[in-house]
Amino acid sequence: MNIDDIAQARGETTFKVARLLTRKECKLYLCFGGGKEKLLCITEQMIDGYYHLFQGKKGDYPMTLKSQHEYVQRLSNNNFDLSGLSFMVGKDELRLKSVDGEDRSVYVGAKNSDTDLLPPPSQIEGTSETSTTSTPKRKFFKNSPISIFIDEQISNGKYEWQKAWFDLRENIADDKNTKQEDLTLRTFGEKNVFIRRTMKQTSKKLDYAIEYQEGDMPTFKTVSRQDFGRMFRRSLK
């Protein structure tokens, strides 16, 4: 079952669900589906100084322990890129070469028997099952400033992620060379955040990005244009 679908059904973030599963030592899987009969991946094994191509088939393949932790770490930084994650086909360890940001046929999943081990979804303060509010349930679970920004865009009837990204990066974010002490404090929902333009190296290219720092956090987190698109599309579901 797709991790994203599990998280949505529970009203929680994908990061939280993935972290709970790994803490319970449940296996995560790289799942290849969709219309493609075979997928092209690169083996982790280097032969004569070169990686060799491998034709993969549809199916669910267990991720390596290292890649499970890498995946959870990426999610904590709002990075949904699956490129470079390793998985097992029999005794062979392979690596996903790349995956297009628009391709939903490749995803991370978990067994139903493992998701059944998860504790009940967290209680959200100030809400109850009998609440009559018409606000979409997903709004109560937004925990990052960028997710809140996306939710606000959708609530205002703006459904094109490219336009939302342009507004965020070009109109709201400070210039990339702005010193930290000169950054403008922005507010998304109840989150105070500093945000500026930057670039981020993805598996395919150097991508436009923003980096943000919540008012009480010591470090910046980076979100690429590709990451933002994925987050936006998930919020539209």
C-alpha atoms as a PDB file:
ATOM      1  CA  MET A   1       0.000   0.000   0.000  1.00  0.00           C
ATOM      2  CA  ASN A   2       1.298   3.456  -0.921  1.00  0.00           C
ATOM      3  CA  ILE A   3       2.805   5.296   2.072  1.00  0.00           C
ATOM      4  CA  ASP A   4       1.204   8.534   0.866  1.00  0.00           C
ATOM      5  CA  ASP A   5      -2.252   6.927   0.837  1.00  0.00           C
ATOM      6  CA  ILE A   6      -1.704   5.499   4.321  1.00  0.00           C
ATOM      7  CA  ALA A   7      -0.709   8.922   5.635  1.00  0.00           C
ATOM      8  CA  GLN A   8      -3.692  10.615   4.014  1.00  0.00           C
ATOM      9  CA  ALA A   9      -6.108   8.047   5.434  1.00  0.00           C
ATOM     10  CA  ARG A  10      -4.655   8.566   8.923  1.00  0.00           C
ATOM     11  CA  GLY A  11      -4.572  12.352   8.611  1.00  0.00           C
ATOM     12  CA  GLU A  12      -0.811  12.363   9.208  1.00  0.00           C
ATOM     13  CA  THR A  13       2.274  13.324   7.242  1.00  0.00           C
ATOM     14  CA  THR A  14       4.104  10.803   5.080  1.00  0.00           C
ATOM     15  CA  PHE A  15       7.203  11.485   7.169  1.00  0.00           C
ATOM     16  CA  LYS A  16       5.452  10.515  10.406  1.00  0.00           C
ATOM     17  CA  VAL A  17       4.042   7.282   8.980  1.00  0.00           C
ATOM     18  CA  ALA A  18       7.379   6.261   7.454  1.00  0.00           C
ATOM     19  CA  ARG A  19       9.191   7.024  10.692  1.00  0.00           C
ATOM     20  CA  LEU A  20       6.691   5.002  12.746  1.00  0.00           C
ATOM     21  CA  LEU A  21       7.058   2.017  10.425  1.00  0.00           C
ATOM     22  CA  THR A  22      10.855   2.056  10.509  1.00  0.00           C
ATOM     23  CA  ARG A  23      10.882   2.440  14.282  1.00  0.00           C
ATOM     24  CA  LYS A  24       8.788  -0.719  14.479  1.00  0.00           C
ATOM     25  CA  GLU A  25      11.373  -2.377  12.206  1.00  0.00           C
ATOM     26  CA  CYS A  26       8.806  -2.792   9.428  1.00  0.00           C
ATOM     27  CA  LYS A  27      10.148  -3.116   5.906  1.00  0.00           C
ATOM     28  CA  LEU A  28       9.538  -0.401   3.318  1.00  0.00           C
ATOM     29  CA  TYR A  29       9.284  -1.305  -0.373  1.00  0.00           C
ATOM     30  CA  LEU A  30      10.048   0.440  -3.634  1.00  0.00           C
ATOM     31  CA  CYS A  31       6.985  -0.315  -5.742  1.00  0.00           C
ATOM     32  CA  PHE A  32       7.027  -0.223  -9.534  1.00  0.00           C
ATOM     33  CA  GLY A  33       3.633  -0.160 -11.228  1.00  0.00           C
ATOM     34  CA  GLY A  34       1.755   1.897 -13.776  1.00  0.00           C
ATOM     35  CA  GLY A  35       1.843   1.200 -17.491  1.00  0.00           C
ATOM     36  CA  LYS A  36       5.531   0.434 -17.816  1.00  0.00           C
ATOM     37  CA  GLU A  37       6.309  -3.265 -18.139  1.00  0.00           C
ATOM     38  CA  LYS A  38       9.983  -2.780 -17.286  1.00  0.00           C
ATOM     39  CA  LEU A  39      12.021  -0.086 -15.598  1.00  0.00           C
ATOM     40  CA  LEU A  40      15.639   0.852 -16.055  1.00  0.00           C
ATOM     41  CA  CYS A  41      17.750   0.960 -12.904  1.00  0.00           C
ATOM     42  CA  ILE A  42      21.455   1.022 -12.090  1.00  0.00           C
ATOM     43  CA  THR A  43      23.045  -1.693  -9.978  1.00  0.00           C
ATOM     44  CA  GLU A  44      24.953  -0.717  -6.869  1.00  0.00           C
ATOM     45  CA  GLN A  45      27.616  -3.227  -7.843  1.00  0.00           C
ATOM     46  CA  MET A  46      30.417  -1.607  -9.810  1.00  0.00           C
ATOM     47  CA  ILE A  47      32.075  -3.851 -12.405  1.00  0.00           C
ATOM     48  CA  ASP A  48      35.330  -2.763 -14.006  1.00  0.00           C
ATOM     49  CA  GLY A  49      34.817   0.762 -12.738  1.00  0.00           C
ATOM     50  CA  TYR A  50      31.337   1.229 -14.226  1.00  0.00           C
ATOM     51  CA  TYR A  51      27.754   0.846 -13.090  1.00  0.00           C
ATOM     52  CA  HIS A  52      25.805  -1.571 -15.270  1.00  0.00           C
ATOM     53  CA  LEU A  53      22.214  -1.203 -16.437  1.00  0.00           C
ATOM     54  CA  PHE A  54      19.513  -3.515 -15.147  1.00  0.00           C
ATOM     55  CA  GLN A  55      16.039  -4.037 -16.582  1.00  0.00           C
ATOM     56  CA  GLY A  56      13.592  -4.209 -13.737  1.00  0.00           C
ATOM     57  CA  LYS A  57      10.039  -5.527 -13.830  1.00  0.00           C
ATOM     58  CA  LYS A  58       6.865  -4.467 -12.108  1.00  0.00           C
ATOM     59  CA  GLY A  59       6.699  -5.473  -8.477  1.00  0.00           C
ATOM     60  CA  ASP A  60       7.406  -4.506  -4.884  1.00  0.00           C
ATOM     61  CA  TYR A  61      11.038  -4.732  -3.802  1.00  0.00           C
ATOM     62  CA  PRO A  62      12.353  -4.386  -0.229  1.00  0.00           C
ATOM     63  CA  MET A  63      14.499  -1.318   0.315  1.00  0.00           C
ATOM     64  CA  THR A  64      17.882  -1.649   1.956  1.00  0.00           C
ATOM     65  CA  LEU A  65      18.043  -0.553   5.587  1.00  0.00           C
ATOM     66  CA  LYS A  66      20.333   2.332   4.659  1.00  0.00           C
ATOM     67  CA  SER A  67      17.911   3.574   2.004  1.00  0.00           C
ATOM     68  CA  GLN A  68      14.967   3.298   4.391  1.00  0.00           C
ATOM     69  CA  HIS A  69      16.730   5.689   6.749  1.00  0.00           C
ATOM     70  CA  GLU A  70      17.727   7.919   3.822  1.00  0.00           C
ATOM     71  CA  TYR A  71      14.102   8.050   2.658  1.00  0.00           C
ATOM     72  CA  VAL A  72      12.841   9.068   6.112  1.00  0.00           C
ATOM     73  CA  GLN A  73      15.569  11.701   6.347  1.00  0.00           C
ATOM     74  CA  ARG A  74      14.553  13.126   2.965  1.00  0.00           C
ATOM     75  CA  LEU A  75      10.914  13.302   4.035  1.00  0.00           C
ATOM     76  CA  SER A  76      11.916  15.243   7.157  1.00  0.00           C
ATOM     77  CA  ASN A  77      13.278  17.908   4.794  1.00  0.00           C
ATOM     78  CA  ASN A  78      10.213  17.839   2.507  1.00  0.00           C
ATOM     79  CA  ASN A  79      12.278  16.064  -0.145  1.00  0.00           C
ATOM     80  CA  PHE A  80      10.158  13.453  -1.941  1.00  0.00           C
ATOM     81  CA  ASP A  81      12.753  12.437  -4.535  1.00  0.00           C
ATOM     82  CA  LEU A  82      13.223   8.648  -4.750  1.00  0.00           C
ATOM     83  CA  SER A  83      16.277   8.751  -7.013  1.00  0.00           C
ATOM     84  CA  GLY A  84      19.337   6.950  -5.682  1.00  0.00           C
ATOM     85  CA  LEU A  85      17.474   4.722  -3.218  1.00  0.00           C
ATOM     86  CA  SER A  86      18.581   1.083  -3.152  1.00  0.00           C
ATOM     87  CA  PHE A  87      16.461  -2.066  -3.104  1.00  0.00           C
ATOM     88  CA  MET A  88      16.926  -5.816  -3.290  1.00  0.00           C
ATOM     89  CA  VAL A  89      16.053  -8.122  -6.184  1.00  0.00           C
ATOM     90  CA  GLY A  90      16.820 -11.549  -4.836  1.00  0.00           C
ATOM     91  CA  LYS A  91      20.394 -11.293  -3.556  1.00  0.00           C
ATOM     92  CA  ASP A  92      21.301  -8.361  -5.821  1.00  0.00           C
ATOM     93  CA  GLU A  93      21.320  -4.828  -4.473  1.00  0.00           C
ATOM     94  CA  LEU A  94      20.164  -2.317  -7.091  1.00  0.00           C
ATOM     95  CA  ARG A  95      19.737   1.411  -7.150  1.00  0.00           C
ATOM     96  CA  LEU A  96      16.929   3.452  -8.673  1.00  0.00           C
ATOM     97  CA  LYS A  97      18.623   5.616 -11.272  1.00  0.00           C
ATOM     98  CA  SER A  98      16.053   8.370 -11.451  1.00  0.00           C
ATOM     99  CA  VAL A  99      12.334   8.997 -11.414  1.00  0.00           C
ATOM    100  CA  ASP A 100      10.522  11.850 -13.110  1.00  0.00           C
ATOM    101  CA  GLY A 101       8.698  14.270 -10.834  1.00  0.00           C
ATOM    102  CA  GLU A 102       5.464  13.598 -12.734  1.00  0.00           C
ATOM    103  CA  ASP A 103       5.761   9.790 -12.583  1.00  0.00           C
ATOM    104  CA  ARG A 104       3.461   8.300  -9.957  1.00  0.00           C
ATOM    105  CA  SER A 105       4.024   4.687 -10.986  1.00  0.00           C
ATOM    106  CA  VAL A 106       7.072   4.460  -8.698  1.00  0.00           C
ATOM    107  CA  TYR A 107       6.406   4.924  -5.001  1.00  0.00           C
ATOM    108  CA  VAL A 108       7.289   3.698  -1.518  1.00  0.00           C
ATOM    109  CA  GLY A 109       4.878   1.227   0.031  1.00  0.00           C
ATOM    110  CA  ALA A 110       4.368  -1.021   3.042  1.00  0.00           C
ATOM    111  CA  LYS A 111       2.519  -4.262   3.759  1.00  0.00           C
ATOM    112  CA  ASN A 112      -0.982  -4.043   5.196  1.00  0.00           C
ATOM    113  CA  SER A 113       0.076  -6.410   7.977  1.00  0.00           C
ATOM    114  CA  ASP A 114       2.724  -3.872   9.012  1.00  0.00           C
ATOM    115  CA  THR A 115       0.478  -0.820   8.817  1.00  0.00           C
ATOM    116  CA  ASP A 116      -1.964  -2.648  11.089  1.00  0.00           C
ATOM    117  CA  LEU A 117       0.732  -2.461  13.777  1.00  0.00           C
ATOM    118  CA  LEU A 118       0.702   1.341  13.793  1.00  0.00           C
ATOM    119  CA  PRO A 119      -0.849   3.081  16.811  1.00  0.00           C
ATOM    120  CA  PRO A 120      -4.111   4.994  16.313  1.00  0.00           C
ATOM    121  CA  PRO A 121      -3.661   8.388  14.625  1.00  0.00           C
ATOM    122  CA  SER A 122      -2.677  11.190  16.983  1.00  0.00           C
ATOM    123  CA  GLN A 123      -5.441  13.148  18.640  1.00  0.00           C
ATOM    124  CA  ILE A 124      -5.487  16.705  17.340  1.00  0.00           C
ATOM    125  CA  GLU A 125      -5.957  19.317  20.011  1.00  0.00           C
ATOM    126  CA  GLY A 126      -9.141  21.298  19.624  1.00  0.00           C
ATOM    127  CA  THR A 127     -10.824  18.859  17.254  1.00  0.00           C
ATOM    128  CA  SER A 128     -13.129  15.893  17.701  1.00  0.00           C
ATOM    129  CA  GLU A 129     -14.907  13.338  15.579  1.00  0.00           C
ATOM    130  CA  THR A 130     -18.197  15.110  16.223  1.00  0.00           C
ATOM    131  CA  SER A 131     -16.917  18.468  15.024  1.00  0.00           C
ATOM    132  CA  THR A 132     -19.226  20.067  12.465  1.00  0.00           C
ATOM    133  CA  THR A 133     -16.619  22.328  10.879  1.00  0.00           C
ATOM    134  CA  SER A 134     -16.512  22.243   7.094  1.00  0.00           C
ATOM    135  CA  THR A 135     -12.764  22.820   6.989  1.00  0.00           C
ATOM    136  CA  PRO A 136     -10.980  19.909   5.242  1.00  0.00           C
ATOM    137  CA  LYS A 137      -9.454  17.547   7.801  1.00  0.00           C
ATOM    138  CA  ARG A 138      -6.028  17.747   6.182  1.00  0.00           C
ATOM    139  CA  LYS A 139      -5.619  21.359   7.315  1.00  0.00           C
ATOM    140  CA  PHE A 140      -5.176  20.347  10.933  1.00  0.00           C
ATOM    141  CA  PHE A 141      -2.134  18.254  10.101  1.00  0.00           C
ATOM    142  CA  LYS A 142       0.005  20.787   8.235  1.00  0.00           C
ATOM    143  CA  ASN A 143       3.267  21.068  10.124  1.00  0.00           C
ATOM    144  CA  SER A 144       5.688  22.834   7.796  1.00  0.00           C
ATOM    145  CA  PRO A 145       5.431  26.454   6.609  1.00  0.00           C
ATOM    146  CA  ILE A 146       5.599  25.353   2.979  1.00  0.00           C
ATOM    147  CA  SER A 147       2.741  22.871   3.476  1.00  0.00           C
ATOM    148  CA  ILE A 148       0.698  25.637   5.100  1.00  0.00           C
ATOM    149  CA  PHE A 149       1.451  27.967   2.186  1.00  0.00           C
ATOM    150  CA  ILE A 150       0.312  25.290  -0.272  1.00  0.00           C
ATOM    151  CA  ASP A 151      -2.874  24.676   1.707  1.00  0.00           C
ATOM    152  CA  GLU A 152      -3.647  28.402   1.689  1.00  0.00           C
ATOM    153  CA  GLN A 153      -3.170  28.546  -2.079  1.00  0.00           C
ATOM    154  CA  ILE A 154      -5.552  25.637  -2.639  1.00  0.00           C
ATOM    155  CA  SER A 155      -8.105  27.081  -0.203  1.00  0.00           C
ATOM    156  CA  ASN A 156      -8.027  30.305  -2.228  1.00  0.00           C
ATOM    157  CA  GLY A 157      -8.851  28.407  -5.411  1.00  0.00           C
ATOM    158  CA  LYS A 158      -5.331  28.382  -6.840  1.00  0.00           C
ATOM    159  CA  TYR A 159      -4.705  24.885  -8.203  1.00  0.00           C
ATOM    160  CA  GLU A 160      -1.688  25.370 -10.483  1.00  0.00           C
ATOM    161  CA  TRP A 161       1.453  24.538  -8.562  1.00  0.00           C
ATOM    162  CA  GLN A 162       3.700  26.310 -11.069  1.00  0.00           C
ATOM    163  CA  LYS A 163       2.004  29.656 -10.365  1.00  0.00           C
ATOM    164  CA  ALA A 164       2.105  29.053  -6.608  1.00  0.00           C
ATOM    165  CA  TRP A 165       5.812  28.218  -6.846  1.00  0.00           C
ATOM    166  CA  PHE A 166       6.519  31.393  -8.825  1.00  0.00           C
ATOM    167  CA  ASP A 167       4.695  33.484  -6.227  1.00  0.00           C
ATOM    168  CA  LEU A 168       6.577  31.841  -3.357  1.00  0.00           C
ATOM    169  CA  ARG A 169      10.053  32.019  -4.858  1.00  0.00           C
ATOM    170  CA  GLU A 170       9.938  35.231  -6.863  1.00  0.00           C
ATOM    171  CA  ASN A 171       7.536  37.403  -4.860  1.00  0.00           C
ATOM    172  CA  ILE A 172       7.828  36.197  -1.260  1.00  0.00           C
ATOM    173  CA  ALA A 173      11.326  34.762  -0.808  1.00  0.00           C
ATOM    174  CA  ASP A 174      14.244  37.125  -0.265  1.00  0.00           C
ATOM    175  CA  ASP A 175      17.170  37.210  -2.679  1.00  0.00           C
ATOM    176  CA  LYS A 176      19.676  34.369  -2.279  1.00  0.00           C
ATOM    177  CA  ASN A 177      22.437  36.774  -1.225  1.00  0.00           C
ATOM    178  CA  THR A 178      20.405  38.352   1.567  1.00  0.00           C
ATOM    179  CA  LYS A 179      22.252  38.136   4.878  1.00  0.00           C
ATOM    180  CA  GLN A 180      20.459  36.275   7.630  1.00  0.00           C
ATOM    181  CA  GLU A 181      20.115  39.374   9.792  1.00  0.00           C
ATOM    182  CA  ASP A 182      18.433  41.192   6.876  1.00  0.00           C
ATOM    183  CA  LEU A 183      15.864  38.494   6.031  1.00  0.00           C
ATOM    184  CA  THR A 184      12.181  39.429   6.164  1.00  0.00           C
ATOM    185  CA  LEU A 185      10.088  37.538   8.707  1.00  0.00           C
ATOM    186  CA  ARG A 186       7.102  35.966   6.942  1.00  0.00           C
ATOM    187  CA  THR A 187       4.042  34.336   8.478  1.00  0.00           C
ATOM    188  CA  PHE A 188       2.346  31.240   7.049  1.00  0.00           C
ATOM    189  CA  GLY A 189      -0.590  30.259   9.214  1.00  0.00           C
ATOM    190  CA  GLU A 190       0.842  30.363  12.724  1.00  0.00           C
ATOM    191  CA  LYS A 191       4.413  29.760  11.530  1.00  0.00           C
ATOM    192  CA  ASN A 192       6.991  32.544  11.488  1.00  0.00           C
ATOM    193  CA  VAL A 193       9.622  31.854   8.867  1.00  0.00           C
ATOM    194  CA  PHE A 194      12.598  33.355   7.050  1.00  0.00           C
ATOM    195  CA  ILE A 195      12.772  32.351   3.397  1.00  0.00           C
ATOM    196  CA  ARG A 196      15.179  33.065   0.553  1.00  0.00           C
ATOM    197  CA  ARG A 197      15.962  31.812  -2.941  1.00  0.00           C
ATOM    198  CA  THR A 198      18.631  29.209  -3.586  1.00  0.00           C
ATOM    199  CA  MET A 199      19.466  26.296  -5.901  1.00  0.00           C
ATOM    200  CA  LYS A 200      19.415  22.559  -5.161  1.00  0.00           C
ATOM    201  CA  GLN A 201      21.205  19.707  -6.902  1.00  0.00           C
ATOM    202  CA  THR A 202      18.750  16.937  -7.793  1.00  0.00           C
ATOM    203  CA  SER A 203      19.485  13.603  -9.429  1.00  0.00           C
ATOM    204  CA  LYS A 204      19.049  15.139 -12.881  1.00  0.00           C
ATOM    205  CA  LYS A 205      20.064  18.778 -12.682  1.00  0.00           C
ATOM    206  CA  LEU A 206      20.585  21.882 -10.602  1.00  0.00           C
ATOM    207  CA  ASP A 207      17.052  22.958  -9.762  1.00  0.00           C
ATOM    208  CA  TYR A 208      15.554  26.231  -8.565  1.00  0.00           C
ATOM    209  CA  ALA A 209      14.782  26.078  -4.848  1.00  0.00           C
ATOM    210  CA  ILE A 210      13.992  28.001  -1.696  1.00  0.00           C
ATOM    211  CA  GLU A 211      15.429  27.531   1.774  1.00  0.00           C
ATOM    212  CA  TYR A 212      13.515  28.412   4.892  1.00  0.00           C
ATOM    213  CA  GLN A 213      14.130  28.696   8.614  1.00  0.00           C
ATOM    214  CA  GLU A 214      11.379  28.654  11.187  1.00  0.00           C
ATOM    215  CA  GLY A 215      11.794  31.386  13.753  1.00  0.00           C
ATOM    216  CA  ASP A 216      12.773  29.040  16.586  1.00  0.00           C
ATOM    217  CA  MET A 217      14.811  26.541  14.555  1.00  0.00           C
ATOM    218  CA  PRO A 218      18.624  26.739  14.184  1.00  0.00           C
ATOM    219  CA  THR A 219      18.928  25.406  10.626  1.00  0.00           C
ATOM    220  CA  PHE A 220      17.553  26.025   7.140  1.00  0.00           C
ATOM    221  CA  LYS A 221      15.606  23.428   5.158  1.00  0.00           C
ATOM    222  CA  THR A 222      15.662  23.368   1.364  1.00  0.00           C
ATOM    223  CA  VAL A 223      12.748  22.690  -0.999  1.00  0.00           C
ATOM    224  CA  SER A 224      13.394  22.419  -4.738  1.00  0.00           C
ATOM    225  CA  ARG A 225      10.898  23.263  -7.455  1.00  0.00           C
ATOM    226  CA  GLN A 226      10.452  19.520  -8.031  1.00  0.00           C
ATOM    227  CA  ASP A 227       9.833  18.895  -4.311  1.00  0.00           C
ATOM    228  CA  PHE A 228       7.269  21.705  -4.211  1.00  0.00           C
ATOM    229  CA  GLY A 229       5.404  20.261  -7.184  1.00  0.00           C
ATOM    230  CA  ARG A 230       5.165  16.870  -5.492  1.00  0.00           C
ATOM    231  CA  MET A 231       3.933  18.427  -2.236  1.00  0.00           C
ATOM    232  CA  PHE A 232       1.321  20.472  -4.078  1.00  0.00           C
ATOM    233  CA  ARG A 233      -0.025  17.523  -6.056  1.00  0.00           C
ATOM    234  CA  ARG A 234      -0.295  15.425  -2.896  1.00  0.00           C
ATOM    235  CA  SER A 235      -2.273  18.184  -1.196  1.00  0.00           C
ATOM    236  CA  LEU A 236      -4.719  18.242  -4.102  1.00  0.00           C
ATOM    237  CA  LYS A 237      -5.663  14.579  -3.553  1.00  0.00           C
END
